[in-house]
C-alpha atoms as a PDB file:
ATOM      1  CA  MET A   1     -24.571   8.308 -10.460  1.00  0.00           C
ATOM      2  CA  THR A   2     -24.171   6.119  -7.415  1.00  0.00           C
ATOM      3  CA  THR A   3     -23.453   7.321  -3.893  1.00  0.00           C
ATOM      4  CA  ASP A   4     -19.996   5.744  -4.127  1.00  0.00           C
ATOM      5  CA  THR A   5     -19.237   7.641  -7.319  1.00  0.00           C
ATOM      6  CA  SER A   6     -20.493  10.896  -5.746  1.00  0.00           C
ATOM      7  CA  LYS A   7     -18.171  10.339  -2.779  1.00  0.00           C
ATOM      8  CA  LEU A   8     -15.226   9.579  -5.077  1.00  0.00           C
ATOM      9  CA  LEU A   9     -15.910  12.749  -7.067  1.00  0.00           C
ATOM     10  CA  HIS A  10     -16.153  14.769  -3.832  1.00  0.00           C
ATOM     11  CA  ASP A  11     -12.816  13.317  -2.705  1.00  0.00           C
ATOM     12  CA  LEU A  12     -11.319  14.067  -6.098  1.00  0.00           C
ATOM     13  CA  ARG A  13     -12.411  17.712  -5.995  1.00  0.00           C
ATOM     14  CA  SER A  14     -11.004  18.040  -2.468  1.00  0.00           C
ATOM     15  CA  LYS A  15      -7.619  16.529  -3.455  1.00  0.00           C
ATOM     16  CA  CYS A  16      -7.409  18.677  -6.575  1.00  0.00           C
ATOM     17  CA  SER A  17      -8.163  21.808  -4.533  1.00  0.00           C
ATOM     18  CA  SER A  18      -5.525  20.888  -1.997  1.00  0.00           C
ATOM     19  CA  LEU A  19      -2.959  20.262  -4.735  1.00  0.00           C
ATOM     20  CA  LYS A  20      -3.757  23.562  -6.397  1.00  0.00           C
ATOM     21  CA  SER A  21      -3.410  25.443  -3.073  1.00  0.00           C
ATOM     22  CA  ALA A  22      -0.083  23.752  -2.327  1.00  0.00           C
ATOM     23  CA  ALA A  23       1.210  24.679  -5.801  1.00  0.00           C
ATOM     24  CA  GLU A  24       0.270  28.308  -5.248  1.00  0.00           C
ATOM     25  CA  LEU A  25       2.023  28.385  -1.867  1.00  0.00           C
ATOM     26  CA  TYR A  26       5.138  26.575  -3.070  1.00  0.00           C
ATOM     27  CA  LYS A  27       6.921  29.608  -4.462  1.00  0.00           C
ATOM     28  CA  ASP A  28       6.892  31.364  -1.084  1.00  0.00           C
ATOM     29  CA  CYS A  29       8.322  28.434   0.888  1.00  0.00           C
ATOM     30  CA  SER A  30      11.802  28.063   2.248  1.00  0.00           C
ATOM     31  CA  ALA A  31      14.005  25.272   0.824  1.00  0.00           C
ATOM     32  CA  ALA A  32      13.053  22.944   3.688  1.00  0.00           C
ATOM     33  CA  GLU A  33       9.369  23.757   3.327  1.00  0.00           C
ATOM     34  CA  LYS A  34       9.581  23.168  -0.430  1.00  0.00           C
ATOM     35  CA  LYS A  35      10.855  19.668   0.206  1.00  0.00           C
ATOM     36  CA  GLU A  36       7.943  18.957   2.522  1.00  0.00           C
ATOM     37  CA  MET A  37       5.471  20.633   0.195  1.00  0.00           C
ATOM     38  CA  LEU A  38       6.692  18.497  -2.747  1.00  0.00           C
ATOM     39  CA  ALA A  39       6.193  15.339  -0.707  1.00  0.00           C
ATOM     40  CA  LEU A  40       2.650  16.427   0.156  1.00  0.00           C
ATOM     41  CA  MET A  41       1.930  17.338  -3.475  1.00  0.00           C
ATOM     42  CA  LYS A  42       3.260  13.999  -4.711  1.00  0.00           C
ATOM     43  CA  ALA A  43       1.032  12.156  -2.207  1.00  0.00           C
ATOM     44  CA  ALA A  44      -1.957  14.198  -3.296  1.00  0.00           C
ATOM     45  CA  ALA A  45      -1.207  13.472  -6.955  1.00  0.00           C
ATOM     46  CA  ALA A  46      -0.954   9.730  -6.189  1.00  0.00           C
ATOM     47  CA  ASP A  47      -4.316   9.920  -4.379  1.00  0.00           C
ATOM     48  CA  ILE A  48      -5.807  11.748  -7.373  1.00  0.00           C
ATOM     49  CA  ALA A  49      -4.532   9.068  -9.755  1.00  0.00           C
ATOM     50  CA  ASN A  50      -5.998   6.373  -7.496  1.00  0.00           C
ATOM     51  CA  LEU A  51      -9.346   8.118  -7.315  1.00  0.00           C
ATOM     52  CA  LEU A  52      -9.448   8.522 -11.074  1.00  0.00           C
ATOM     53  CA  GLY A  53      -8.757   4.809 -11.522  1.00  0.00           C
ATOM     54  CA  ARG A  54     -11.535   3.941  -9.086  1.00  0.00           C
ATOM     55  CA  ILE A  55     -13.946   6.223 -10.869  1.00  0.00           C
ATOM     56  CA  GLU A  56     -12.947   4.745 -14.248  1.00  0.00           C
ATOM     57  CA  THR A  57     -13.504   1.212 -13.079  1.00  0.00           C
ATOM     58  CA  GLY A  58     -16.644   2.006 -11.121  1.00  0.00           C
ATOM     59  CA  ALA A  59     -15.068   0.772  -7.918  1.00  0.00           C
END
């Protein structure tokens, strides 16, 4: 495994952990906070998809 792949996997674990934490907190948020939380979760999910693509292609 290359250093780049190791960094990508580290970043992936971090993003997944953040997304999981946000999902757990979501139920206790106000309506306004839920809107913000969803935006953050969507951004994290997009980052996860990007990281997976980079890992898949070896980039």
